[in-house]
Amino acid sequence: KVVFISPPDVKDTLSPRSGIGNNGNFYDPWGATAGKAGSGIYHLAIDGTYDSQVANPYTSNAGTPNLQIGVIAWSLGRDGDQGADFKTSDDVISWQ
């Protein structure tokens, strides 16, 4: 068995953040923002075809459309919105 990551469970299941929730989501430090789908959790993309490429979920200033990497992770940050221009965004991304 190889453990790559072992985050803690969230401390507050009603307002989950910084860990794994009861639903299996890995919550970022800011937690979900009401009415903002995809906020508050870490997102992952994995190269399941073994072609050494993962589609970039960002379209501006966050790398090429296809990233030459096997796995990426990102969070929408404190504001819960995906940044339109990554240079001024609070999003957290693993590939830069």
C-alpha atoms as a PDB file:
ATOM      1  CA  LYS A   1       0.000   0.000   0.000  1.00  0.00           C
ATOM      2  CA  VAL A   2       1.346   3.410  -1.012  1.00  0.00           C
ATOM      3  CA  VAL A   3      -0.214   6.432   0.693  1.00  0.00           C
ATOM      4  CA  PHE A   4       0.114   9.567  -1.445  1.00  0.00           C
ATOM      5  CA  ILE A   5      -2.009  11.882   0.684  1.00  0.00           C
ATOM      6  CA  SER A   6      -3.766  11.453   4.013  1.00  0.00           C
ATOM      7  CA  PRO A   7      -5.796  14.573   4.887  1.00  0.00           C
ATOM      8  CA  PRO A   8      -7.708  14.761   8.182  1.00  0.00           C
ATOM      9  CA  ASP A   9     -11.472  14.611   8.497  1.00  0.00           C
ATOM     10  CA  VAL A  10     -13.191  18.003   8.721  1.00  0.00           C
ATOM     11  CA  LYS A  11     -13.751  19.221  12.277  1.00  0.00           C
ATOM     12  CA  ASP A  12     -17.238  20.646  11.621  1.00  0.00           C
ATOM     13  CA  THR A  13     -19.445  18.549   9.329  1.00  0.00           C
ATOM     14  CA  LEU A  14     -22.044  21.343   9.060  1.00  0.00           C
ATOM     15  CA  SER A  15     -19.482  23.835   7.734  1.00  0.00           C
ATOM     16  CA  PRO A  16     -16.733  21.615   6.311  1.00  0.00           C
ATOM     17  CA  ARG A  17     -13.272  22.969   5.535  1.00  0.00           C
ATOM     18  CA  SER A  18      -9.658  21.783   5.539  1.00  0.00           C
ATOM     19  CA  GLY A  19     -10.233  18.059   5.275  1.00  0.00           C
ATOM     20  CA  ILE A  20     -12.411  15.197   4.090  1.00  0.00           C
ATOM     21  CA  GLY A  21     -16.164  15.648   4.604  1.00  0.00           C
ATOM     22  CA  ASN A  22     -18.795  12.971   5.254  1.00  0.00           C
ATOM     23  CA  ASN A  23     -19.607  13.045   1.525  1.00  0.00           C
ATOM     24  CA  GLY A  24     -16.001  12.203   0.562  1.00  0.00           C
ATOM     25  CA  ASN A  25     -15.152  15.677  -0.761  1.00  0.00           C
ATOM     26  CA  PHE A  26     -11.728  17.141   0.074  1.00  0.00           C
ATOM     27  CA  TYR A  27     -12.530  20.649   1.337  1.00  0.00           C
ATOM     28  CA  ASP A  28     -10.149  23.586   0.978  1.00  0.00           C
ATOM     29  CA  PRO A  29      -9.410  25.943   3.912  1.00  0.00           C
ATOM     30  CA  TRP A  30     -12.204  28.356   2.938  1.00  0.00           C
ATOM     31  CA  GLY A  31     -15.100  25.906   2.683  1.00  0.00           C
ATOM     32  CA  ALA A  32     -18.081  26.125   0.350  1.00  0.00           C
ATOM     33  CA  THR A  33     -19.704  29.448  -0.574  1.00  0.00           C
ATOM     34  CA  ALA A  34     -23.513  29.292  -0.757  1.00  0.00           C
ATOM     35  CA  GLY A  35     -24.805  29.402  -4.322  1.00  0.00           C
ATOM     36  CA  LYS A  36     -21.378  28.856  -5.917  1.00  0.00           C
ATOM     37  CA  ALA A  37     -21.091  25.391  -7.421  1.00  0.00           C
ATOM     38  CA  GLY A  38     -17.618  23.919  -7.134  1.00  0.00           C
ATOM     39  CA  SER A  39     -16.511  26.296  -4.400  1.00  0.00           C
ATOM     40  CA  GLY A  40     -14.863  25.066  -1.239  1.00  0.00           C
ATOM     41  CA  ILE A  41     -13.432  21.816  -2.588  1.00  0.00           C
ATOM     42  CA  TYR A  42     -10.251  20.696  -4.245  1.00  0.00           C
ATOM     43  CA  HIS A  43     -10.755  19.622  -7.858  1.00  0.00           C
ATOM     44  CA  LEU A  44      -8.591  16.940  -9.489  1.00  0.00           C
ATOM     45  CA  ALA A  45      -7.945  15.914 -13.074  1.00  0.00           C
ATOM     46  CA  ILE A  46      -6.034  12.739 -13.871  1.00  0.00           C
ATOM     47  CA  ASP A  47      -4.494  11.592 -17.156  1.00  0.00           C
ATOM     48  CA  GLY A  48      -6.473   8.375 -17.504  1.00  0.00           C
ATOM     49  CA  THR A  49      -5.396   7.788 -21.108  1.00  0.00           C
ATOM     50  CA  TYR A  50      -1.659   7.803 -20.315  1.00  0.00           C
ATOM     51  CA  ASP A  51      -0.885  10.328 -23.057  1.00  0.00           C
ATOM     52  CA  SER A  52       0.858  12.649 -20.560  1.00  0.00           C
ATOM     53  CA  GLN A  53      -1.762  15.380 -20.969  1.00  0.00           C
ATOM     54  CA  VAL A  54      -4.504  16.839 -18.812  1.00  0.00           C
ATOM     55  CA  ALA A  55      -6.918  19.477 -20.117  1.00  0.00           C
ATOM     56  CA  ASN A  56      -6.331  22.848 -18.456  1.00  0.00           C
ATOM     57  CA  PRO A  57      -9.545  24.007 -16.720  1.00  0.00           C
ATOM     58  CA  TYR A  58      -8.415  27.643 -17.141  1.00  0.00           C
ATOM     59  CA  THR A  59      -8.393  29.540 -20.428  1.00  0.00           C
ATOM     60  CA  SER A  60      -6.273  32.586 -19.593  1.00  0.00           C
ATOM     61  CA  ASN A  61      -2.779  32.979 -18.134  1.00  0.00           C
ATOM     62  CA  ALA A  62      -2.603  29.563 -16.448  1.00  0.00           C
ATOM     63  CA  GLY A  63      -0.588  27.558 -18.946  1.00  0.00           C
ATOM     64  CA  THR A  64      -1.316  25.801 -22.206  1.00  0.00           C
ATOM     65  CA  PRO A  65      -4.725  24.260 -23.077  1.00  0.00           C
ATOM     66  CA  ASN A  66      -3.273  20.773 -22.543  1.00  0.00           C
ATOM     67  CA  LEU A  67      -0.896  20.509 -19.612  1.00  0.00           C
ATOM     68  CA  GLN A  68       1.970  18.028 -19.989  1.00  0.00           C
ATOM     69  CA  ILE A  69       1.466  16.396 -16.587  1.00  0.00           C
ATOM     70  CA  GLY A  70      -0.261  13.354 -15.141  1.00  0.00           C
ATOM     71  CA  VAL A  71      -2.369  14.932 -12.376  1.00  0.00           C
ATOM     72  CA  ILE A  72      -3.507  18.455 -11.500  1.00  0.00           C
ATOM     73  CA  ALA A  73      -5.396  19.890  -8.529  1.00  0.00           C
ATOM     74  CA  TRP A  74      -7.002  23.278  -7.978  1.00  0.00           C
ATOM     75  CA  SER A  75      -9.243  25.245  -5.642  1.00  0.00           C
ATOM     76  CA  LEU A  76     -11.409  28.234  -6.521  1.00  0.00           C
ATOM     77  CA  GLY A  77      -9.988  30.138  -3.547  1.00  0.00           C
ATOM     78  CA  ARG A  78     -11.622  32.287  -0.898  1.00  0.00           C
ATOM     79  CA  ASP A  79     -14.108  33.986  -3.267  1.00  0.00           C
ATOM     80  CA  GLY A  80     -15.362  30.656  -4.668  1.00  0.00           C
ATOM     81  CA  ASP A  81     -15.191  31.882  -8.280  1.00  0.00           C
ATOM     82  CA  GLN A  82     -12.944  30.554 -11.017  1.00  0.00           C
ATOM     83  CA  GLY A  83     -10.654  33.407 -11.982  1.00  0.00           C
ATOM     84  CA  ALA A  84     -11.066  34.697 -15.535  1.00  0.00           C
ATOM     85  CA  ASP A  85      -7.489  35.992 -15.613  1.00  0.00           C
ATOM     86  CA  PHE A  86      -5.346  33.796 -13.426  1.00  0.00           C
ATOM     87  CA  LYS A  87      -2.769  36.523 -12.764  1.00  0.00           C
ATOM     88  CA  THR A  88      -5.293  38.418 -10.611  1.00  0.00           C
ATOM     89  CA  SER A  89      -7.161  35.403  -9.229  1.00  0.00           C
ATOM     90  CA  ASP A  90      -7.144  34.007  -5.694  1.00  0.00           C
ATOM     91  CA  ASP A  91      -7.443  30.463  -7.051  1.00  0.00           C
ATOM     92  CA  VAL A  92      -4.857  27.882  -6.006  1.00  0.00           C
ATOM     93  CA  ILE A  93      -3.486  25.660  -8.789  1.00  0.00           C
ATOM     94  CA  SER A  94      -0.875  22.911  -8.681  1.00  0.00           C
ATOM     95  CA  TRP A  95       0.737  23.363 -12.092  1.00  0.00           C
ATOM     96  CA  GLN A  96       2.302  26.813 -11.721  1.00  0.00           C
END
